[in-house]
C-alpha atoms as a PDB file:
ATOM      1  CA  UNK A   1     -16.506 -10.368   0.594  1.00  0.00           C
ATOM      2  CA  UNK A   2     -15.498 -10.099  -3.171  1.00  0.00           C
ATOM      3  CA  UNK A   3     -12.813 -12.311  -3.938  1.00  0.00           C
ATOM      4  CA  UNK A   4     -12.631 -11.486  -7.594  1.00  0.00           C
ATOM      5  CA  UNK A   5     -13.930  -9.668 -10.621  1.00  0.00           C
ATOM      6  CA  UNK A   6     -13.766 -11.777 -13.791  1.00  0.00           C
ATOM      7  CA  UNK A   7     -14.963 -10.747 -17.715  1.00  0.00           C
ATOM      8  CA  UNK A   8     -14.812 -13.633 -19.711  1.00  0.00           C
ATOM      9  CA  UNK A   9     -15.854 -13.634 -23.468  1.00  0.00           C
ATOM     10  CA  UNK A  10     -18.275 -16.551 -24.697  1.00  0.00           C
ATOM     11  CA  UNK A  11     -15.031 -18.386 -26.217  1.00  0.00           C
ATOM     12  CA  UNK A  12     -13.489 -18.377 -22.755  1.00  0.00           C
ATOM     13  CA  UNK A  13     -10.795 -15.512 -23.263  1.00  0.00           C
ATOM     14  CA  UNK A  14     -10.311 -13.105 -20.110  1.00  0.00           C
ATOM     15  CA  UNK A  15     -11.061  -9.683 -20.823  1.00  0.00           C
ATOM     16  CA  UNK A  16     -10.846  -8.469 -17.359  1.00  0.00           C
ATOM     17  CA  UNK A  17      -9.348  -9.802 -14.304  1.00  0.00           C
ATOM     18  CA  UNK A  18      -9.000  -8.375 -10.802  1.00  0.00           C
ATOM     19  CA  UNK A  19      -8.255 -10.679  -8.032  1.00  0.00           C
ATOM     20  CA  UNK A  20      -8.327  -9.189  -4.574  1.00  0.00           C
ATOM     21  CA  UNK A  21      -6.463 -12.146  -2.799  1.00  0.00           C
ATOM     22  CA  UNK A  22      -2.879 -12.605  -3.761  1.00  0.00           C
ATOM     23  CA  UNK A  23      -2.516 -15.853  -5.590  1.00  0.00           C
ATOM     24  CA  UNK A  24       0.022 -17.245  -8.309  1.00  0.00           C
ATOM     25  CA  UNK A  25      -0.565 -16.705 -11.855  1.00  0.00           C
ATOM     26  CA  UNK A  26      -1.147 -20.622 -12.537  1.00  0.00           C
ATOM     27  CA  UNK A  27      -3.882 -20.134  -9.933  1.00  0.00           C
ATOM     28  CA  UNK A  28      -5.750 -17.484 -11.732  1.00  0.00           C
ATOM     29  CA  UNK A  29      -5.765 -19.361 -14.932  1.00  0.00           C
ATOM     30  CA  UNK A  30      -7.188 -22.624 -13.218  1.00  0.00           C
ATOM     31  CA  UNK A  31      -9.801 -20.261 -11.632  1.00  0.00           C
ATOM     32  CA  UNK A  32     -10.948 -18.386 -15.109  1.00  0.00           C
ATOM     33  CA  UNK A  33     -10.810 -22.324 -16.661  1.00  0.00           C
ATOM     34  CA  UNK A  34     -13.009 -23.550 -13.985  1.00  0.00           C
ATOM     35  CA  UNK A  35     -15.460 -20.681 -13.627  1.00  0.00           C
ATOM     36  CA  UNK A  36     -15.800 -20.731 -17.694  1.00  0.00           C
ATOM     37  CA  UNK A  37     -16.526 -24.312 -18.075  1.00  0.00           C
ATOM     38  CA  UNK A  38     -19.143 -24.038 -15.053  1.00  0.00           C
ATOM     39  CA  UNK A  39     -20.913 -20.963 -16.800  1.00  0.00           C
ATOM     40  CA  UNK A  40     -20.570 -22.082 -20.303  1.00  0.00           C
ATOM     41  CA  UNK A  41     -22.410 -25.515 -19.324  1.00  0.00           C
ATOM     42  CA  UNK A  42     -25.863 -23.690 -17.935  1.00  0.00           C
ATOM     43  CA  UNK A  43     -28.650 -23.744 -20.263  1.00  0.00           C
ATOM     44  CA  UNK A  44     -30.415 -20.474 -21.333  1.00  0.00           C
ATOM     45  CA  UNK A  45     -32.950 -18.798 -19.140  1.00  0.00           C
ATOM     46  CA  UNK A  46     -31.528 -20.099 -15.652  1.00  0.00           C
ATOM     47  CA  UNK A  47     -30.794 -17.865 -12.697  1.00  0.00           C
ATOM     48  CA  UNK A  48     -27.684 -15.537 -12.582  1.00  0.00           C
ATOM     49  CA  UNK A  49     -26.501 -16.612  -9.285  1.00  0.00           C
ATOM     50  CA  UNK A  50     -24.596 -19.810  -9.168  1.00  0.00           C
ATOM     51  CA  UNK A  51     -23.102 -21.604  -6.247  1.00  0.00           C
ATOM     52  CA  UNK A  52     -19.291 -22.158  -6.916  1.00  0.00           C
ATOM     53  CA  UNK A  53     -18.093 -23.936  -3.727  1.00  0.00           C
ATOM     54  CA  UNK A  54     -15.860 -26.267  -5.834  1.00  0.00           C
ATOM     55  CA  UNK A  55     -13.812 -23.387  -7.414  1.00  0.00           C
ATOM     56  CA  UNK A  56     -13.591 -20.796  -4.661  1.00  0.00           C
ATOM     57  CA  UNK A  57     -14.749 -22.392  -1.547  1.00  0.00           C
ATOM     58  CA  UNK A  58     -17.523 -22.397   0.530  1.00  0.00           C
ATOM     59  CA  UNK A  59     -20.201 -19.554   0.692  1.00  0.00           C
ATOM     60  CA  UNK A  60     -19.180 -18.128  -2.861  1.00  0.00           C
ATOM     61  CA  UNK A  61     -21.678 -17.349  -5.409  1.00  0.00           C
ATOM     62  CA  UNK A  62     -21.084 -16.193  -8.662  1.00  0.00           C
ATOM     63  CA  UNK A  63     -23.157 -13.478 -10.895  1.00  0.00           C
ATOM     64  CA  UNK A  64     -23.533 -14.032 -14.471  1.00  0.00           C
ATOM     65  CA  UNK A  65     -24.263 -11.322 -16.594  1.00  0.00           C
ATOM     66  CA  UNK A  66     -25.294 -11.777 -20.387  1.00  0.00           C
END
């Protein structure tokens, strides 16, 4: 199940956010921060699929598009 669609700039600014589960705006900001920190720390040339259990819970993968 898709939980969210996020488009975040390389500087960490959210460009598009769509959450499919109701959550508080504070939780949205926390999720965006966590996703950006996780993806920005990755080196170039690695897989576009990232396990994000710590951010969204078990069995969740992130897809990073360049």
